[in-house]
Amino acid sequence: MIEADVPMIMRIGFGFITLIFIVAIILLFRKTRNKVSLFLFGIQWGFTTLSFHFLLDALRVSPWNTPLYTENVSYSVGLCGIFWGLSICFMLIGIHKSVSVSKTAKK
């Protein structure tokens, strides 16, 4: 079990990071010519959001109200890891696309 305020604090933190992400994407959208890399970062953020959802789901499960407590937590943690891994893959692809375009643009 976790403290009752932890999910709310995590949501506030995630919302703050989301706001920073949106501002950064808007600023980069104005400055970059490579819109594909920004689209990849958007997909990355979608997978990060799904990962966060499953992390919160794993933290919210109550052992007293759930007959398959450990199975539900394992399922949520597993999905959290899968979506986080996909998020990192799309972030790395987006970084690669951003860097490779900037190198060719300098020539």
N, C-alpha and C. Protein backbone atom coordinates (compact mmCIF):
# COMPACT_ATOMS: atom_id res chain seq x y z
N MET A 1 0.84 -1.18 0.00
CA MET A 1 0.00 0.00 0.00
C MET A 1 0.88 1.25 0.00
N ILE A 2 0.37 2.28 -0.62
CA ILE A 2 1.07 3.56 -0.64
C ILE A 2 0.21 4.62 0.04
N GLU A 3 0.83 5.72 0.34
CA GLU A 3 0.09 6.83 0.93
C GLU A 3 -0.97 7.33 -0.04
N ALA A 4 -2.04 7.87 0.50
CA ALA A 4 -3.17 8.31 -0.33
C ALA A 4 -2.81 9.47 -1.24
N ASP A 5 -1.85 10.30 -0.85
CA ASP A 5 -1.51 11.48 -1.64
C ASP A 5 -0.53 11.20 -2.77
N VAL A 6 0.10 10.05 -2.78
CA VAL A 6 1.13 9.76 -3.77
C VAL A 6 0.59 9.78 -5.20
N PRO A 7 -0.53 9.12 -5.53
CA PRO A 7 -1.02 9.20 -6.91
C PRO A 7 -1.33 10.63 -7.36
N MET A 8 -1.89 11.45 -6.46
CA MET A 8 -2.19 12.83 -6.82
C MET A 8 -0.90 13.62 -7.08
N ILE A 9 0.10 13.43 -6.24
CA ILE A 9 1.37 14.13 -6.43
C ILE A 9 2.03 13.67 -7.73
N MET A 10 1.94 12.39 -8.03
CA MET A 10 2.51 11.88 -9.28
C MET A 10 1.78 12.47 -10.49
N ARG A 11 0.45 12.58 -10.41
CA ARG A 11 -0.32 13.18 -11.51
C ARG A 11 0.05 14.65 -11.71
N ILE A 12 0.23 15.38 -10.61
CA ILE A 12 0.62 16.79 -10.72
C ILE A 12 2.01 16.90 -11.37
N GLY A 13 2.94 16.07 -10.94
CA GLY A 13 4.27 16.07 -11.54
C GLY A 13 4.24 15.70 -13.01
N PHE A 14 3.45 14.69 -13.35
CA PHE A 14 3.33 14.27 -14.75
C PHE A 14 2.68 15.36 -15.58
N GLY A 15 1.68 16.03 -15.01
CA GLY A 15 1.04 17.15 -15.72
C GLY A 15 2.00 18.29 -15.96
N PHE A 16 2.84 18.58 -14.98
CA PHE A 16 3.85 19.63 -15.13
C PHE A 16 4.84 19.27 -16.24
N ILE A 17 5.30 18.06 -16.26
CA ILE A 17 6.22 17.61 -17.31
C ILE A 17 5.53 17.62 -18.67
N THR A 18 4.25 17.28 -18.70
CA THR A 18 3.49 17.33 -19.95
C THR A 18 3.43 18.76 -20.47
N LEU A 19 3.21 19.71 -19.60
CA LEU A 19 3.18 21.12 -19.99
C LEU A 19 4.52 21.55 -20.57
N ILE A 20 5.61 21.16 -19.93
CA ILE A 20 6.94 21.48 -20.45
C ILE A 20 7.15 20.83 -21.82
N PHE A 21 6.70 19.59 -21.98
CA PHE A 21 6.83 18.88 -23.25
C PHE A 21 6.07 19.61 -24.36
N ILE A 22 4.85 20.04 -24.07
CA ILE A 22 4.04 20.72 -25.08
C ILE A 22 4.69 22.04 -25.50
N VAL A 23 5.18 22.80 -24.53
CA VAL A 23 5.85 24.06 -24.86
C VAL A 23 7.09 23.80 -25.71
N ALA A 24 7.87 22.78 -25.35
CA ALA A 24 9.09 22.46 -26.11
C ALA A 24 8.74 22.03 -27.54
N ILE A 25 7.71 21.23 -27.70
CA ILE A 25 7.32 20.78 -29.05
C ILE A 25 6.86 21.96 -29.88
N ILE A 26 6.10 22.88 -29.29
CA ILE A 26 5.64 24.06 -30.03
C ILE A 26 6.83 24.91 -30.47
N LEU A 27 7.77 25.13 -29.57
CA LEU A 27 8.95 25.92 -29.92
C LEU A 27 9.79 25.22 -30.99
N LEU A 28 9.97 23.91 -30.85
CA LEU A 28 10.75 23.17 -31.85
C LEU A 28 10.03 23.10 -33.19
N PHE A 29 8.70 23.05 -33.17
CA PHE A 29 7.93 22.99 -34.41
C PHE A 29 8.16 24.26 -35.24
N ARG A 30 8.32 25.37 -34.57
CA ARG A 30 8.56 26.63 -35.27
C ARG A 30 9.97 26.70 -35.84
N LYS A 31 10.94 26.04 -35.20
CA LYS A 31 12.34 26.19 -35.58
C LYS A 31 12.87 25.10 -36.49
N THR A 32 12.27 23.93 -36.46
CA THR A 32 12.85 22.81 -37.21
C THR A 32 12.15 22.62 -38.55
N ARG A 33 12.90 22.06 -39.46
CA ARG A 33 12.34 21.71 -40.76
C ARG A 33 11.92 20.24 -40.79
N ASN A 34 12.45 19.47 -39.86
CA ASN A 34 12.17 18.04 -39.82
C ASN A 34 10.98 17.78 -38.90
N LYS A 35 9.79 17.78 -39.47
CA LYS A 35 8.57 17.56 -38.68
C LYS A 35 8.39 16.09 -38.31
N VAL A 36 9.06 15.18 -39.03
CA VAL A 36 8.94 13.75 -38.74
C VAL A 36 9.49 13.43 -37.36
N SER A 37 10.61 14.04 -37.02
CA SER A 37 11.19 13.76 -35.71
C SER A 37 10.27 14.25 -34.59
N LEU A 38 9.60 15.37 -34.80
CA LEU A 38 8.65 15.86 -33.80
C LEU A 38 7.45 14.92 -33.67
N PHE A 39 7.02 14.37 -34.79
CA PHE A 39 5.94 13.38 -34.76
C PHE A 39 6.36 12.15 -33.96
N LEU A 40 7.61 11.73 -34.13
CA LEU A 40 8.12 10.58 -33.37
C LEU A 40 8.18 10.89 -31.88
N PHE A 41 8.52 12.12 -31.53
CA PHE A 41 8.50 12.50 -30.12
C PHE A 41 7.07 12.51 -29.58
N GLY A 42 6.10 12.86 -30.42
CA GLY A 42 4.70 12.81 -30.01
C GLY A 42 4.25 11.38 -29.73
N ILE A 43 4.67 10.45 -30.60
CA ILE A 43 4.37 9.03 -30.36
C ILE A 43 5.05 8.57 -29.08
N GLN A 44 6.27 9.02 -28.88
CA GLN A 44 7.01 8.69 -27.65
C GLN A 44 6.24 9.16 -26.44
N TRP A 45 5.69 10.36 -26.50
CA TRP A 45 4.95 10.87 -25.36
C TRP A 45 3.67 10.06 -25.13
N GLY A 46 3.03 9.60 -26.21
CA GLY A 46 1.86 8.75 -26.05
C GLY A 46 2.18 7.46 -25.31
N PHE A 47 3.28 6.82 -25.67
CA PHE A 47 3.68 5.59 -24.97
C PHE A 47 4.11 5.88 -23.52
N THR A 48 4.71 7.04 -23.29
CA THR A 48 5.07 7.41 -21.92
C THR A 48 3.81 7.59 -21.08
N THR A 49 2.79 8.20 -21.67
CA THR A 49 1.52 8.39 -20.96
C THR A 49 0.88 7.05 -20.62
N LEU A 50 0.88 6.11 -21.57
CA LEU A 50 0.35 4.78 -21.29
C LEU A 50 1.15 4.08 -20.19
N SER A 51 2.46 4.23 -20.23
CA SER A 51 3.30 3.64 -19.20
C SER A 51 2.97 4.21 -17.83
N PHE A 52 2.79 5.52 -17.76
CA PHE A 52 2.43 6.17 -16.50
C PHE A 52 1.07 5.68 -16.01
N HIS A 53 0.13 5.50 -16.92
CA HIS A 53 -1.19 5.00 -16.55
C HIS A 53 -1.09 3.62 -15.90
N PHE A 54 -0.33 2.73 -16.48
CA PHE A 54 -0.21 1.39 -15.93
C PHE A 54 0.60 1.38 -14.62
N LEU A 55 1.54 2.31 -14.48
CA LEU A 55 2.27 2.43 -13.22
C LEU A 55 1.31 2.86 -12.11
N LEU A 56 0.48 3.86 -12.38
CA LEU A 56 -0.50 4.28 -11.38
C LEU A 56 -1.50 3.17 -11.10
N ASP A 57 -1.87 2.43 -12.12
CA ASP A 57 -2.79 1.31 -11.93
C ASP A 57 -2.19 0.27 -10.99
N ALA A 58 -0.90 0.01 -11.14
CA ALA A 58 -0.24 -0.96 -10.26
C ALA A 58 -0.18 -0.44 -8.82
N LEU A 59 -0.03 0.85 -8.66
CA LEU A 59 0.05 1.42 -7.31
C LEU A 59 -1.31 1.52 -6.63
N ARG A 60 -2.37 1.62 -7.43
CA ARG A 60 -3.71 1.80 -6.86
C ARG A 60 -4.38 0.50 -6.46
N VAL A 61 -3.91 -0.61 -6.94
CA VAL A 61 -4.57 -1.89 -6.65
C VAL A 61 -4.52 -2.17 -5.15
N SER A 62 -5.67 -2.46 -4.61
CA SER A 62 -5.76 -2.74 -3.18
C SER A 62 -5.81 -4.25 -2.96
N PRO A 63 -4.98 -4.76 -2.06
CA PRO A 63 -4.98 -6.21 -1.83
C PRO A 63 -6.28 -6.71 -1.19
N TRP A 64 -7.04 -5.82 -0.57
CA TRP A 64 -8.27 -6.24 0.09
C TRP A 64 -9.45 -6.31 -0.85
N ASN A 65 -9.42 -5.55 -1.95
CA ASN A 65 -10.56 -5.52 -2.88
C ASN A 65 -10.32 -6.32 -4.14
N THR A 66 -9.14 -6.88 -4.31
CA THR A 66 -8.79 -7.57 -5.55
C THR A 66 -8.42 -9.02 -5.24
N PRO A 67 -9.19 -9.96 -5.81
CA PRO A 67 -8.86 -11.37 -5.52
C PRO A 67 -7.52 -11.82 -6.11
N LEU A 68 -7.15 -11.29 -7.25
CA LEU A 68 -5.89 -11.67 -7.90
C LEU A 68 -4.90 -10.51 -7.81
N TYR A 69 -4.60 -10.10 -6.59
CA TYR A 69 -3.80 -8.90 -6.35
C TYR A 69 -2.44 -8.96 -7.04
N THR A 70 -1.66 -9.99 -6.79
CA THR A 70 -0.30 -10.04 -7.35
C THR A 70 -0.31 -10.17 -8.87
N GLU A 71 -1.31 -10.88 -9.40
CA GLU A 71 -1.40 -11.02 -10.85
C GLU A 71 -1.73 -9.67 -11.49
N ASN A 72 -2.64 -8.90 -10.89
CA ASN A 72 -2.99 -7.59 -11.43
C ASN A 72 -1.81 -6.63 -11.38
N VAL A 73 -1.08 -6.66 -10.28
CA VAL A 73 0.08 -5.78 -10.16
C VAL A 73 1.15 -6.19 -11.17
N SER A 74 1.39 -7.48 -11.31
CA SER A 74 2.39 -7.96 -12.28
C SER A 74 2.01 -7.58 -13.70
N TYR A 75 0.74 -7.71 -14.03
CA TYR A 75 0.23 -7.34 -15.36
C TYR A 75 0.45 -5.85 -15.61
N SER A 76 0.10 -5.02 -14.64
CA SER A 76 0.25 -3.57 -14.81
C SER A 76 1.72 -3.16 -14.90
N VAL A 77 2.57 -3.75 -14.08
CA VAL A 77 3.99 -3.43 -14.13
C VAL A 77 4.60 -3.91 -15.46
N GLY A 78 4.18 -5.07 -15.93
CA GLY A 78 4.67 -5.56 -17.22
C GLY A 78 4.28 -4.65 -18.37
N LEU A 79 3.01 -4.22 -18.40
CA LEU A 79 2.57 -3.30 -19.46
C LEU A 79 3.26 -1.95 -19.33
N CYS A 80 3.49 -1.51 -18.10
CA CYS A 80 4.22 -0.27 -17.88
C CYS A 80 5.62 -0.37 -18.49
N GLY A 81 6.29 -1.47 -18.27
CA GLY A 81 7.63 -1.68 -18.82
C GLY A 81 7.64 -1.75 -20.34
N ILE A 82 6.65 -2.43 -20.91
CA ILE A 82 6.57 -2.54 -22.38
C ILE A 82 6.37 -1.17 -23.00
N PHE A 83 5.40 -0.40 -22.48
CA PHE A 83 5.14 0.91 -23.06
C PHE A 83 6.29 1.89 -22.81
N TRP A 84 6.96 1.76 -21.67
CA TRP A 84 8.12 2.59 -21.41
C TRP A 84 9.23 2.25 -22.41
N GLY A 85 9.45 0.96 -22.67
CA GLY A 85 10.47 0.54 -23.64
C GLY A 85 10.16 1.06 -25.03
N LEU A 86 8.89 0.98 -25.45
CA LEU A 86 8.51 1.53 -26.76
C LEU A 86 8.71 3.04 -26.79
N SER A 87 8.43 3.69 -25.68
CA SER A 87 8.64 5.13 -25.58
C SER A 87 10.11 5.49 -25.81
N ILE A 88 10.99 4.75 -25.18
CA ILE A 88 12.43 5.00 -25.34
C ILE A 88 12.87 4.73 -26.78
N CYS A 89 12.34 3.69 -27.40
CA CYS A 89 12.68 3.40 -28.80
C CYS A 89 12.29 4.56 -29.71
N PHE A 90 11.07 5.08 -29.55
CA PHE A 90 10.64 6.19 -30.40
C PHE A 90 11.43 7.47 -30.09
N MET A 91 11.81 7.66 -28.84
CA MET A 91 12.63 8.83 -28.50
C MET A 91 14.00 8.73 -29.19
N LEU A 92 14.61 7.55 -29.15
CA LEU A 92 15.91 7.37 -29.79
C LEU A 92 15.82 7.53 -31.30
N ILE A 93 14.75 7.02 -31.90
CA ILE A 93 14.57 7.20 -33.35
C ILE A 93 14.38 8.68 -33.68
N GLY A 94 13.59 9.38 -32.84
CA GLY A 94 13.40 10.82 -33.05
C GLY A 94 14.69 11.60 -32.92
N ILE A 95 15.51 11.25 -31.95
CA ILE A 95 16.81 11.91 -31.79
C ILE A 95 17.69 11.64 -32.99
N HIS A 96 17.69 10.39 -33.45
CA HIS A 96 18.49 10.02 -34.63
C HIS A 96 18.05 10.82 -35.85
N LYS A 97 16.73 10.92 -36.06
CA LYS A 97 16.22 11.68 -37.21
C LYS A 97 16.58 13.16 -37.08
N SER A 98 16.51 13.70 -35.89
CA SER A 98 16.85 15.12 -35.68
C SER A 98 18.31 15.38 -35.96
N VAL A 99 19.17 14.51 -35.47
CA VAL A 99 20.61 14.70 -35.63
C VAL A 99 21.02 14.47 -37.08
N SER A 100 20.48 13.45 -37.72
CA SER A 100 20.88 13.15 -39.10
C SER A 100 20.42 14.26 -40.05
N VAL A 101 19.29 14.87 -39.80
CA VAL A 101 18.83 15.96 -40.65
C VAL A 101 19.70 17.19 -40.44
N SER A 102 20.06 17.47 -39.20
CA SER A 102 20.87 18.65 -38.95
C SER A 102 22.27 18.51 -39.56
N LYS A 103 22.80 17.29 -39.63
CA LYS A 103 24.12 17.09 -40.26
C LYS A 103 24.03 17.30 -41.78
N THR A 104 22.96 16.80 -42.39
CA THR A 104 22.83 16.97 -43.84
C THR A 104 22.48 18.40 -44.19
N ALA A 105 21.80 19.11 -43.31
CA ALA A 105 21.44 20.50 -43.57
C ALA A 105 22.66 21.42 -43.56
N LYS A 106 23.70 21.03 -42.81
CA LYS A 106 24.91 21.86 -42.74
C LYS A 106 25.76 21.76 -44.00
N LYS A 107 25.60 20.70 -44.79
CA LYS A 107 26.45 20.51 -45.98
C LYS A 107 26.08 21.43 -47.09
